[in-house]
Amino acid sequence: MNTITAEWIKLRTLRSTWWAIGIGVIISLALTALGASTVISRWSPGQTPDQAAMGIVVAVYVGVILAQLPLGMLGTMTITTEHASGMINVTFIAMPSRTRVLLAKASVLSGAAIIASLLIAVPGYLFGRFVAADFHPSLLPPQVWPVIGGGTLMIVVTTLLGLALGAILRNGAVATAALVAIVLMLPFAARMLPWGEVINQFLPTYPALQLIKQAPNIMPTWAAFTVLAGWAVVPLMIGAIAGRRSSP
């Protein structure tokens, strides 16, 4: 717990933390409001209350995952700036277990990512209900929870993937480039390959888009959640192993 507290103090005292969260939240909120207004204006009068509620939540979580890259970059900066300044050595003197330090950083960043998602989702949802008031949307029907879970998991996974890449590569620019490549470039590149559709299933973007109803269902919901979560768990395990091997 002391390690988590120390990492939280470090995270909240960095200006880059507030810039990354602020930029991600503001841009995503603006695009969520614009997207929700556009989508709702095109609804047919026959929308049921449950369909209206689902449409609002989907529009909101499309906006939420737009904040993933600023939060992912925050993940890379959280550890690469310490390597660049040499402060990581002080951290390891205070807490020799590198795995424990990495897990503490992951815990704190996960909390920050969830808070950021709520700062986007709650105002976006209230705005969507206001715009769609004529359709009398229901509150939160059962079918919206995979969307909420998938959108939140995507932003957490991207943040932790950034942290893991920073721990493995130890260079902010290189780790950020790798993050952008995995999240944005590889899905497009895979489409040009003969087995691109199969490859995309195992990248983080497609499962997330499926869960928020922006891509066809080509895998069970549990498999989409598993693949998505794996993009945080496996890189963090590699980062922990790389940290132990580099320890004196």
C-alpha atoms as a PDB file:
ATOM      1  CA  MET A   1       0.000   0.000   0.000  1.00  0.00           C
ATOM      2  CA  ASN A   2       2.893   2.395   0.743  1.00  0.00           C
ATOM      3  CA  THR A   3       4.218   1.777  -2.775  1.00  0.00           C
ATOM      4  CA  ILE A   4       0.841   2.628  -4.301  1.00  0.00           C
ATOM      5  CA  THR A   5       0.622   5.785  -2.178  1.00  0.00           C
ATOM      6  CA  ALA A   6       4.103   6.860  -3.301  1.00  0.00           C
ATOM      7  CA  GLU A   7       3.226   6.269  -6.953  1.00  0.00           C
ATOM      8  CA  TRP A   8      -0.011   8.222  -6.574  1.00  0.00           C
ATOM      9  CA  ILE A   9       1.894  11.169  -5.107  1.00  0.00           C
ATOM     10  CA  LYS A  10       4.356  11.077  -8.014  1.00  0.00           C
ATOM     11  CA  LEU A  11       1.582  10.824 -10.593  1.00  0.00           C
ATOM     12  CA  ARG A  12      -0.532  13.674  -9.267  1.00  0.00           C
ATOM     13  CA  THR A  13       2.444  16.020  -8.897  1.00  0.00           C
ATOM     14  CA  LEU A  14       3.404  15.697 -12.575  1.00  0.00           C
ATOM     15  CA  ARG A  15       1.988  18.430 -14.814  1.00  0.00           C
ATOM     16  CA  SER A  16       1.943  15.956 -17.689  1.00  0.00           C
ATOM     17  CA  THR A  17      -0.670  13.913 -15.788  1.00  0.00           C
ATOM     18  CA  TRP A  18      -3.185  16.744 -15.755  1.00  0.00           C
ATOM     19  CA  TRP A  19      -2.378  17.779 -19.325  1.00  0.00           C
ATOM     20  CA  ALA A  20      -2.928  14.237 -20.617  1.00  0.00           C
ATOM     21  CA  ILE A  21      -6.165  13.725 -18.679  1.00  0.00           C
ATOM     22  CA  GLY A  22      -7.423  17.236 -19.446  1.00  0.00           C
ATOM     23  CA  ILE A  23      -6.747  17.012 -23.173  1.00  0.00           C
ATOM     24  CA  GLY A  24      -8.245  13.538 -23.399  1.00  0.00           C
ATOM     25  CA  VAL A  25     -11.384  14.459 -21.457  1.00  0.00           C
ATOM     26  CA  ILE A  26     -12.045  17.807 -23.156  1.00  0.00           C
ATOM     27  CA  ILE A  27     -11.556  16.533 -26.706  1.00  0.00           C
ATOM     28  CA  SER A  28     -13.571  13.389 -26.038  1.00  0.00           C
ATOM     29  CA  LEU A  29     -16.415  15.326 -24.392  1.00  0.00           C
ATOM     30  CA  ALA A  30     -16.621  17.705 -27.340  1.00  0.00           C
ATOM     31  CA  LEU A  31     -16.657  14.855 -29.869  1.00  0.00           C
ATOM     32  CA  THR A  32     -19.133  12.880 -27.745  1.00  0.00           C
ATOM     33  CA  ALA A  33     -21.565  15.801 -27.664  1.00  0.00           C
ATOM     34  CA  LEU A  34     -21.194  16.355 -31.408  1.00  0.00           C
ATOM     35  CA  GLY A  35     -21.503  12.658 -32.230  1.00  0.00           C
ATOM     36  CA  ALA A  36     -24.487  12.078 -29.933  1.00  0.00           C
ATOM     37  CA  SER A  37     -26.332  15.081 -31.358  1.00  0.00           C
ATOM     38  CA  THR A  38     -25.708  13.918 -34.933  1.00  0.00           C
ATOM     39  CA  VAL A  39     -26.701  10.302 -34.303  1.00  0.00           C
ATOM     40  CA  ILE A  40     -29.816  11.099 -32.282  1.00  0.00           C
ATOM     41  CA  SER A  41     -31.026  13.609 -34.879  1.00  0.00           C
ATOM     42  CA  ARG A  42     -31.138  10.742 -37.406  1.00  0.00           C
ATOM     43  CA  TRP A  43     -33.176   8.332 -35.283  1.00  0.00           C
ATOM     44  CA  SER A  44     -36.523   7.183 -36.623  1.00  0.00           C
ATOM     45  CA  PRO A  45     -39.619   7.961 -34.512  1.00  0.00           C
ATOM     46  CA  GLY A  46     -40.014   4.237 -33.811  1.00  0.00           C
ATOM     47  CA  GLN A  47     -37.074   3.991 -31.391  1.00  0.00           C
ATOM     48  CA  THR A  48     -38.076   2.154 -28.217  1.00  0.00           C
ATOM     49  CA  PRO A  49     -36.901   3.449 -24.815  1.00  0.00           C
ATOM     50  CA  ASP A  50     -34.357   0.595 -24.545  1.00  0.00           C
ATOM     51  CA  GLN A  51     -33.053   1.213 -28.083  1.00  0.00           C
ATOM     52  CA  ALA A  52     -32.707   4.924 -27.284  1.00  0.00           C
ATOM     53  CA  ALA A  53     -30.789   4.122 -24.088  1.00  0.00           C
ATOM     54  CA  MET A  54     -28.467   1.780 -25.984  1.00  0.00           C
ATOM     55  CA  GLY A  55     -27.881   4.399 -28.688  1.00  0.00           C
ATOM     56  CA  ILE A  56     -26.938   7.003 -26.084  1.00  0.00           C
ATOM     57  CA  VAL A  57     -24.490   4.694 -24.288  1.00  0.00           C
ATOM     58  CA  VAL A  58     -22.868   3.581 -27.563  1.00  0.00           C
ATOM     59  CA  ALA A  59     -22.391   7.203 -28.666  1.00  0.00           C
ATOM     60  CA  VAL A  60     -20.889   8.048 -25.268  1.00  0.00           C
ATOM     61  CA  TYR A  61     -18.388   5.174 -25.252  1.00  0.00           C
ATOM     62  CA  VAL A  62     -17.277   5.895 -28.803  1.00  0.00           C
ATOM     63  CA  GLY A  63     -16.237   9.230 -27.294  1.00  0.00           C
ATOM     64  CA  VAL A  64     -14.636   7.587 -24.264  1.00  0.00           C
ATOM     65  CA  ILE A  65     -12.204   5.463 -26.258  1.00  0.00           C
ATOM     66  CA  LEU A  66     -11.079   8.560 -28.164  1.00  0.00           C
ATOM     67  CA  ALA A  67      -9.237   9.489 -24.955  1.00  0.00           C
ATOM     68  CA  GLN A  68      -7.169   6.319 -25.056  1.00  0.00           C
ATOM     69  CA  LEU A  69      -4.079   7.738 -26.757  1.00  0.00           C
ATOM     70  CA  PRO A  70      -3.526  10.700 -24.377  1.00  0.00           C
ATOM     71  CA  LEU A  71      -3.939   8.282 -21.460  1.00  0.00           C
ATOM     72  CA  GLY A  72      -1.666   5.728 -23.142  1.00  0.00           C
ATOM     73  CA  MET A  73       0.975   8.417 -23.566  1.00  0.00           C
ATOM     74  CA  LEU A  74       0.582   9.242 -19.884  1.00  0.00           C
ATOM     75  CA  GLY A  75       1.346   5.580 -19.200  1.00  0.00           C
ATOM     76  CA  THR A  76       4.587   5.762 -21.161  1.00  0.00           C
ATOM     77  CA  MET A  77       5.633   9.060 -19.556  1.00  0.00           C
ATOM     78  CA  THR A  78       4.970   7.766 -16.037  1.00  0.00           C
ATOM     79  CA  ILE A  79       7.990   5.465 -16.231  1.00  0.00           C
ATOM     80  CA  THR A  80      10.160   6.770 -19.089  1.00  0.00           C
ATOM     81  CA  THR A  81      10.562  10.212 -17.496  1.00  0.00           C
ATOM     82  CA  GLU A  82      11.904   8.502 -14.384  1.00  0.00           C
ATOM     83  CA  HIS A  83      14.392   6.546 -16.480  1.00  0.00           C
ATOM     84  CA  ALA A  84      15.440   9.695 -18.337  1.00  0.00           C
ATOM     85  CA  SER A  85      15.998  11.718 -15.147  1.00  0.00           C
ATOM     86  CA  GLY A  86      17.529   8.880 -13.164  1.00  0.00           C
ATOM     87  CA  MET A  87      14.806   9.118 -10.506  1.00  0.00           C
ATOM     88  CA  ILE A  88      13.925   5.484 -11.160  1.00  0.00           C
ATOM     89  CA  ASN A  89      17.083   4.510  -9.253  1.00  0.00           C
ATOM     90  CA  VAL A  90      15.820   6.381  -6.187  1.00  0.00           C
ATOM     91  CA  THR A  91      12.507   4.560  -6.518  1.00  0.00           C
ATOM     92  CA  PHE A  92      14.262   1.191  -6.632  1.00  0.00           C
ATOM     93  CA  ILE A  93      16.396   2.064  -3.602  1.00  0.00           C
ATOM     94  CA  ALA A  94      13.214   2.803  -1.651  1.00  0.00           C
ATOM     95  CA  MET A  95      11.451  -0.271  -3.070  1.00  0.00           C
ATOM     96  CA  PRO A  96      13.910  -2.874  -4.483  1.00  0.00           C
ATOM     97  CA  SER A  97      11.141  -5.053  -5.965  1.00  0.00           C
ATOM     98  CA  ARG A  98      10.826  -3.792  -9.545  1.00  0.00           C
ATOM     99  CA  THR A  99       7.742  -5.906 -10.137  1.00  0.00           C
ATOM    100  CA  ARG A 100       6.041  -4.355  -7.134  1.00  0.00           C
ATOM    101  CA  VAL A 101       6.866  -0.853  -8.390  1.00  0.00           C
ATOM    102  CA  LEU A 102       5.474  -1.670 -11.835  1.00  0.00           C
ATOM    103  CA  LEU A 103       2.282  -3.109 -10.362  1.00  0.00           C
ATOM    104  CA  ALA A 104       1.874  -0.060  -8.128  1.00  0.00           C
ATOM    105  CA  LYS A 105       2.204   2.219 -11.154  1.00  0.00           C
ATOM    106  CA  ALA A 106      -0.318   0.025 -12.998  1.00  0.00           C
ATOM    107  CA  SER A 107      -2.808   0.268 -10.122  1.00  0.00           C
ATOM    108  CA  VAL A 108      -2.567   4.047  -9.927  1.00  0.00           C
ATOM    109  CA  LEU A 109      -2.807   4.484 -13.698  1.00  0.00           C
ATOM    110  CA  SER A 110      -5.808   2.152 -13.871  1.00  0.00           C
ATOM    111  CA  GLY A 111      -7.582   4.345 -11.340  1.00  0.00           C
ATOM    112  CA  ALA A 112      -6.705   7.479 -13.305  1.00  0.00           C
ATOM    113  CA  ALA A 113      -7.984   5.911 -16.540  1.00  0.00           C
ATOM    114  CA  ILE A 114     -11.274   4.869 -14.923  1.00  0.00           C
ATOM    115  CA  ILE A 115     -11.759   8.351 -13.468  1.00  0.00           C
ATOM    116  CA  ALA A 116     -11.047   9.887 -16.883  1.00  0.00           C
ATOM    117  CA  SER A 117     -13.598   7.569 -18.492  1.00  0.00           C
ATOM    118  CA  LEU A 118     -16.217   8.609 -15.921  1.00  0.00           C
ATOM    119  CA  LEU A 119     -15.460  12.300 -16.497  1.00  0.00           C
ATOM    120  CA  ILE A 120     -16.363  11.706 -20.138  1.00  0.00           C
ATOM    121  CA  ALA A 121     -19.136   9.139 -19.765  1.00  0.00           C
ATOM    122  CA  VAL A 122     -21.286  10.744 -17.070  1.00  0.00           C
ATOM    123  CA  PRO A 123     -21.634  14.232 -18.640  1.00  0.00           C
ATOM    124  CA  GLY A 124     -21.895  12.627 -22.094  1.00  0.00           C
ATOM    125  CA  TYR A 125     -24.673  10.314 -20.914  1.00  0.00           C
ATOM    126  CA  LEU A 126     -26.617  13.158 -19.277  1.00  0.00           C
ATOM    127  CA  PHE A 127     -26.250  15.257 -22.427  1.00  0.00           C
ATOM    128  CA  GLY A 128     -27.405  12.341 -24.579  1.00  0.00           C
ATOM    129  CA  ARG A 129     -30.494  11.825 -22.413  1.00  0.00           C
ATOM    130  CA  PHE A 130     -31.278  15.530 -22.705  1.00  0.00           C
ATOM    131  CA  VAL A 131     -30.996  15.500 -26.507  1.00  0.00           C
ATOM    132  CA  ALA A 132     -32.989  12.248 -26.766  1.00  0.00           C
ATOM    133  CA  ALA A 133     -35.658  13.247 -24.241  1.00  0.00           C
ATOM    134  CA  ASP A 134     -38.456  12.921 -26.842  1.00  0.00           C
ATOM    135  CA  PHE A 135     -37.668   9.185 -27.138  1.00  0.00           C
ATOM    136  CA  HIS A 136     -38.059   8.659 -23.370  1.00  0.00           C
ATOM    137  CA  PRO A 137     -34.909   6.496 -23.040  1.00  0.00           C
ATOM    138  CA  SER A 138     -34.875   3.917 -20.267  1.00  0.00           C
ATOM    139  CA  LEU A 139     -32.195   4.196 -17.602  1.00  0.00           C
ATOM    140  CA  LEU A 140     -29.597   1.466 -18.184  1.00  0.00           C
ATOM    141  CA  PRO A 141     -31.017  -1.713 -19.773  1.00  0.00           C
ATOM    142  CA  PRO A 142     -28.950  -4.910 -19.344  1.00  0.00           C
ATOM    143  CA  GLN A 143     -27.571  -4.858 -22.903  1.00  0.00           C
ATOM    144  CA  VAL A 144     -25.613  -1.632 -22.291  1.00  0.00           C
ATOM    145  CA  TRP A 145     -23.269  -3.132 -19.665  1.00  0.00           C
ATOM    146  CA  PRO A 146     -20.944  -4.901 -22.154  1.00  0.00           C
ATOM    147  CA  VAL A 147     -20.622  -1.536 -23.942  1.00  0.00           C
ATOM    148  CA  ILE A 148     -19.764   0.255 -20.695  1.00  0.00           C
ATOM    149  CA  GLY A 149     -17.352  -2.504 -19.677  1.00  0.00           C
ATOM    150  CA  GLY A 150     -15.705  -2.671 -23.098  1.00  0.00           C
ATOM    151  CA  GLY A 151     -15.238   1.083 -23.447  1.00  0.00           C
ATOM    152  CA  THR A 152     -13.821   1.415 -19.934  1.00  0.00           C
ATOM    153  CA  LEU A 153     -11.545  -1.591 -20.387  1.00  0.00           C
ATOM    154  CA  MET A 154     -10.164  -0.203 -23.647  1.00  0.00           C
ATOM    155  CA  ILE A 155      -9.056   3.055 -22.053  1.00  0.00           C
ATOM    156  CA  VAL A 156      -7.505   1.185 -19.090  1.00  0.00           C
ATOM    157  CA  VAL A 157      -5.765  -1.323 -21.377  1.00  0.00           C
ATOM    158  CA  THR A 158      -4.260   1.392 -23.580  1.00  0.00           C
ATOM    159  CA  THR A 159      -2.991   3.231 -20.499  1.00  0.00           C
ATOM    160  CA  LEU A 160      -1.382   0.075 -19.111  1.00  0.00           C
ATOM    161  CA  LEU A 161      -0.013  -0.882 -22.519  1.00  0.00           C
ATOM    162  CA  GLY A 162       1.722   2.506 -22.599  1.00  0.00           C
ATOM    163  CA  LEU A 163       3.181   1.819 -19.152  1.00  0.00           C
ATOM    164  CA  ALA A 164       4.379  -1.637 -20.183  1.00  0.00           C
ATOM    165  CA  LEU A 165       5.987  -0.337 -23.379  1.00  0.00           C
ATOM    166  CA  GLY A 166       7.711   2.373 -21.349  1.00  0.00           C
ATOM    167  CA  ALA A 167       9.016  -0.238 -18.918  1.00  0.00           C
ATOM    168  CA  ILE A 168      10.308  -2.438 -21.745  1.00  0.00           C
ATOM    169  CA  LEU A 169      11.734   0.222 -24.096  1.00  0.00           C
ATOM    170  CA  ARG A 170      12.698   2.902 -21.500  1.00  0.00           C
ATOM    171  CA  ASN A 171      12.470   5.675 -24.074  1.00  0.00           C
ATOM    172  CA  GLY A 172       9.438   7.943 -24.207  1.00  0.00           C
ATOM    173  CA  ALA A 173       9.484   8.649 -27.933  1.00  0.00           C
ATOM    174  CA  VAL A 174      10.047   5.024 -28.914  1.00  0.00           C
ATOM    175  CA  ALA A 175       7.417   3.725 -26.477  1.00  0.00           C
ATOM    176  CA  THR A 176       4.855   6.266 -27.714  1.00  0.00           C
ATOM    177  CA  ALA A 177       5.578   5.364 -31.343  1.00  0.00           C
ATOM    178  CA  ALA A 178       5.109   1.677 -30.501  1.00  0.00           C
ATOM    179  CA  LEU A 179       1.827   2.466 -28.750  1.00  0.00           C
ATOM    180  CA  VAL A 180       0.473   4.405 -31.730  1.00  0.00           C
ATOM    181  CA  ALA A 181       1.571   1.627 -34.067  1.00  0.00           C
ATOM    182  CA  ILE A 182      -0.221  -1.066 -32.059  1.00  0.00           C
ATOM    183  CA  VAL A 183      -3.436   0.881 -31.465  1.00  0.00           C
ATOM    184  CA  LEU A 184      -3.823   2.739 -34.768  1.00  0.00           C
ATOM    185  CA  MET A 185      -1.460   1.566 -37.499  1.00  0.00           C
ATOM    186  CA  LEU A 186      -1.432  -2.226 -37.173  1.00  0.00           C
ATOM    187  CA  PRO A 187      -5.216  -2.624 -37.579  1.00  0.00           C
ATOM    188  CA  PHE A 188      -5.086  -0.749 -40.895  1.00  0.00           C
ATOM    189  CA  ALA A 189      -1.967  -2.596 -42.057  1.00  0.00           C
ATOM    190  CA  ALA A 190      -3.546  -5.957 -41.185  1.00  0.00           C
ATOM    191  CA  ARG A 191      -6.473  -5.274 -43.524  1.00  0.00           C
ATOM    192  CA  MET A 192      -4.115  -5.440 -46.485  1.00  0.00           C
ATOM    193  CA  LEU A 193      -2.944  -8.940 -45.594  1.00  0.00           C
ATOM    194  CA  PRO A 194      -4.673 -12.156 -46.757  1.00  0.00           C
ATOM    195  CA  TRP A 195      -5.438 -13.148 -43.163  1.00  0.00           C
ATOM    196  CA  GLY A 196      -6.014  -9.591 -41.993  1.00  0.00           C
ATOM    197  CA  GLU A 197      -9.448 -10.213 -40.512  1.00  0.00           C
ATOM    198  CA  VAL A 198      -8.089 -13.030 -38.355  1.00  0.00           C
ATOM    199  CA  ILE A 199      -5.056 -10.969 -37.291  1.00  0.00           C
ATOM    200  CA  ASN A 200      -7.271  -8.020 -36.318  1.00  0.00           C
ATOM    201  CA  GLN A 201      -9.181 -10.195 -33.874  1.00  0.00           C
ATOM    202  CA  PHE A 202      -6.023 -10.472 -31.786  1.00  0.00           C
ATOM    203  CA  LEU A 203      -5.181  -6.760 -31.818  1.00  0.00           C
ATOM    204  CA  PRO A 204      -6.719  -4.540 -29.122  1.00  0.00           C
ATOM    205  CA  THR A 205      -8.743  -2.278 -31.411  1.00  0.00           C
ATOM    206  CA  TYR A 206     -11.179  -4.731 -32.986  1.00  0.00           C
ATOM    207  CA  PRO A 207     -12.405  -6.396 -29.757  1.00  0.00           C
ATOM    208  CA  ALA A 208     -13.002  -2.936 -28.264  1.00  0.00           C
ATOM    209  CA  LEU A 209     -14.940  -1.771 -31.327  1.00  0.00           C
ATOM    210  CA  GLN A 210     -17.005  -4.953 -31.235  1.00  0.00           C
ATOM    211  CA  LEU A 211     -17.854  -4.423 -27.571  1.00  0.00           C
ATOM    212  CA  ILE A 212     -19.040  -0.845 -28.185  1.00  0.00           C
ATOM    213  CA  LYS A 213     -21.085  -1.960 -31.204  1.00  0.00           C
ATOM    214  CA  GLN A 214     -18.898  -0.306 -33.850  1.00  0.00           C
ATOM    215  CA  ALA A 215     -17.794  -3.553 -35.535  1.00  0.00           C
ATOM    216  CA  PRO A 216     -19.557  -6.842 -36.389  1.00  0.00           C
ATOM    217  CA  ASN A 217     -19.559  -9.588 -33.756  1.00  0.00           C
ATOM    218  CA  ILE A 218     -16.972 -12.074 -34.992  1.00  0.00           C
ATOM    219  CA  MET A 219     -16.131 -13.495 -31.564  1.00  0.00           C
ATOM    220  CA  PRO A 220     -18.067 -14.182 -28.337  1.00  0.00           C
ATOM    221  CA  THR A 221     -18.282 -11.289 -25.887  1.00  0.00           C
ATOM    222  CA  TRP A 222     -16.146 -13.130 -23.313  1.00  0.00           C
ATOM    223  CA  ALA A 223     -13.444 -13.688 -25.948  1.00  0.00           C
ATOM    224  CA  ALA A 224     -13.434  -9.987 -26.866  1.00  0.00           C
ATOM    225  CA  PHE A 225     -12.955  -9.064 -23.207  1.00  0.00           C
ATOM    226  CA  THR A 226     -10.192 -11.680 -22.847  1.00  0.00           C
ATOM    227  CA  VAL A 227      -8.237 -10.538 -25.900  1.00  0.00           C
ATOM    228  CA  LEU A 228      -8.542  -6.912 -24.848  1.00  0.00           C
ATOM    229  CA  ALA A 229      -7.424  -7.571 -21.268  1.00  0.00           C
ATOM    230  CA  GLY A 230      -4.512  -9.654 -22.568  1.00  0.00           C
ATOM    231  CA  TRP A 231      -3.032  -6.524 -24.158  1.00  0.00           C
ATOM    232  CA  ALA A 232      -2.502  -5.144 -20.652  1.00  0.00           C
ATOM    233  CA  VAL A 233      -1.612  -8.320 -18.758  1.00  0.00           C
ATOM    234  CA  VAL A 234       0.919  -9.843 -21.168  1.00  0.00           C
ATOM    235  CA  PRO A 235       2.958  -6.660 -21.863  1.00  0.00           C
ATOM    236  CA  LEU A 236       3.063  -5.899 -18.121  1.00  0.00           C
ATOM    237  CA  MET A 237       4.385  -9.411 -17.476  1.00  0.00           C
ATOM    238  CA  ILE A 238       7.065  -8.862 -20.127  1.00  0.00           C
ATOM    239  CA  GLY A 239       7.905  -5.489 -18.559  1.00  0.00           C
ATOM    240  CA  ALA A 240       8.239  -7.096 -15.127  1.00  0.00           C
ATOM    241  CA  ILE A 241      10.539  -9.826 -16.504  1.00  0.00           C
ATOM    242  CA  ALA A 242      12.636  -7.256 -18.386  1.00  0.00           C
ATOM    243  CA  GLY A 243      12.947  -5.193 -15.198  1.00  0.00           C
ATOM    244  CA  ARG A 244      14.158  -8.158 -13.157  1.00  0.00           C
ATOM    245  CA  ARG A 245      16.718  -9.137 -15.762  1.00  0.00           C
ATOM    246  CA  SER A 246      18.154  -5.625 -15.891  1.00  0.00           C
ATOM    247  CA  SER A 247      18.453  -5.301 -12.108  1.00  0.00           C
ATOM    248  CA  PRO A 248      22.006  -5.301 -10.742  1.00  0.00           C
END
